[in-house]
Amino acid sequence: MRLRQSKWILRLETKHGGKMELEAMLTEQEVAEILRVKKQTIAAWRCKGKDCPPHVKFGQRVLYSKKALLNWINQKLEDK
């Protein structure tokens, strides 16, 4: 299997010629930079059950889908 990565898409090619595209995930630090808050703020939102961006946990690692993050931001803008 070969992995190619553009900025937002992971392209997987299997040795049998199959192809699959996956959305690249953002780290907690990248999300913090986008939202212009501290990484600890996002962690606090998540731990307190406060309205926070949708995320997926892999062990101790927390990742965010770019598409889900953009939808979350747009929802926040509409709620104002």
Protein backbone atom coordinates (compact mmCIF):
# COMPACT_ATOMS: atom_id res chain seq x y z
CA MET A 1 0.00 0.00 0.00
CA ARG A 2 1.32 3.42 -0.93
CA LEU A 3 0.17 6.59 0.81
CA ARG A 4 0.17 9.95 -0.91
CA GLN A 5 -0.89 13.07 0.90
CA SER A 6 -1.97 16.42 -0.46
CA LYS A 7 -2.85 19.18 1.96
CA TRP A 8 -6.32 17.82 2.79
CA ILE A 9 -6.72 14.44 1.09
CA LEU A 10 -4.96 11.14 1.75
CA ARG A 11 -4.80 8.88 -1.29
CA LEU A 12 -4.22 5.20 -0.66
CA GLU A 13 -3.14 2.84 -3.41
CA THR A 14 -3.13 -0.88 -2.67
CA LYS A 15 -0.73 -3.29 -4.30
CA HIS A 16 -3.69 -4.72 -6.25
CA GLY A 17 -4.42 -1.37 -7.92
CA GLY A 18 -7.29 -0.33 -5.66
CA LYS A 19 -7.55 3.34 -4.72
CA MET A 20 -9.20 5.09 -1.82
CA GLU A 21 -9.32 8.72 -0.74
CA LEU A 22 -9.61 9.79 2.87
CA GLU A 23 -9.91 13.27 4.23
CA ALA A 24 -6.76 14.23 6.10
CA MET A 25 -7.50 15.01 9.73
CA LEU A 26 -6.43 18.10 11.66
CA THR A 27 -4.59 17.91 14.94
CA GLU A 28 -5.75 19.72 18.05
CA GLN A 29 -2.93 22.26 17.57
CA GLU A 30 -4.02 22.97 13.98
CA VAL A 31 -7.63 23.48 15.10
CA ALA A 32 -6.47 25.81 17.88
CA GLU A 33 -4.55 27.88 15.33
CA ILE A 34 -7.55 28.05 12.99
CA LEU A 35 -9.88 29.15 15.82
CA ARG A 36 -7.20 31.40 17.35
CA VAL A 37 -7.50 29.89 20.80
CA LYS A 38 -5.08 27.93 22.95
CA LYS A 39 -4.85 24.17 22.52
CA GLN A 40 -5.81 23.86 26.20
CA THR A 41 -9.06 25.76 25.52
CA ILE A 42 -10.18 23.16 22.99
CA ALA A 43 -9.25 20.36 25.39
CA ALA A 44 -11.24 22.08 28.16
CA TRP A 45 -14.30 22.42 25.88
CA ARG A 46 -14.08 18.73 25.07
CA CYS A 47 -13.59 17.58 28.67
CA LYS A 48 -16.38 19.78 30.05
CA GLY A 49 -18.81 18.58 27.42
CA LYS A 50 -19.10 22.16 26.18
CA ASP A 51 -20.08 22.68 22.56
CA CYS A 52 -16.82 21.82 20.85
CA PRO A 53 -15.81 20.87 17.30
CA PRO A 54 -16.63 17.26 16.33
CA HIS A 55 -13.64 15.03 16.94
CA VAL A 56 -12.42 11.45 16.88
CA LYS A 57 -10.15 9.89 19.49
CA PHE A 58 -7.49 7.35 18.61
CA GLY A 59 -6.04 6.35 21.96
CA GLN A 60 -4.82 9.63 23.45
CA ARG A 61 -4.71 11.39 20.09
CA VAL A 62 -7.63 13.67 19.19
CA LEU A 63 -8.24 14.45 15.51
CA TYR A 64 -10.70 16.71 13.71
CA SER A 65 -12.18 16.44 10.22
CA LYS A 66 -11.66 19.65 8.24
CA LYS A 67 -15.14 19.35 6.74
CA ALA A 68 -16.78 18.79 10.14
CA LEU A 69 -14.84 21.72 11.62
CA LEU A 70 -15.99 24.04 8.82
CA ASN A 71 -19.59 22.90 9.31
CA TRP A 72 -19.28 23.53 13.07
CA ILE A 73 -17.91 27.04 12.46
CA ASN A 74 -20.70 27.82 9.97
CA GLN A 75 -23.30 26.59 12.46
CA LYS A 76 -21.84 28.89 15.12
CA LEU A 77 -22.06 31.83 12.69
CA GLU A 78 -25.70 31.01 11.87
CA ASP A 79 -26.62 30.79 15.57
CA LYS A 80 -25.61 34.42 16.16
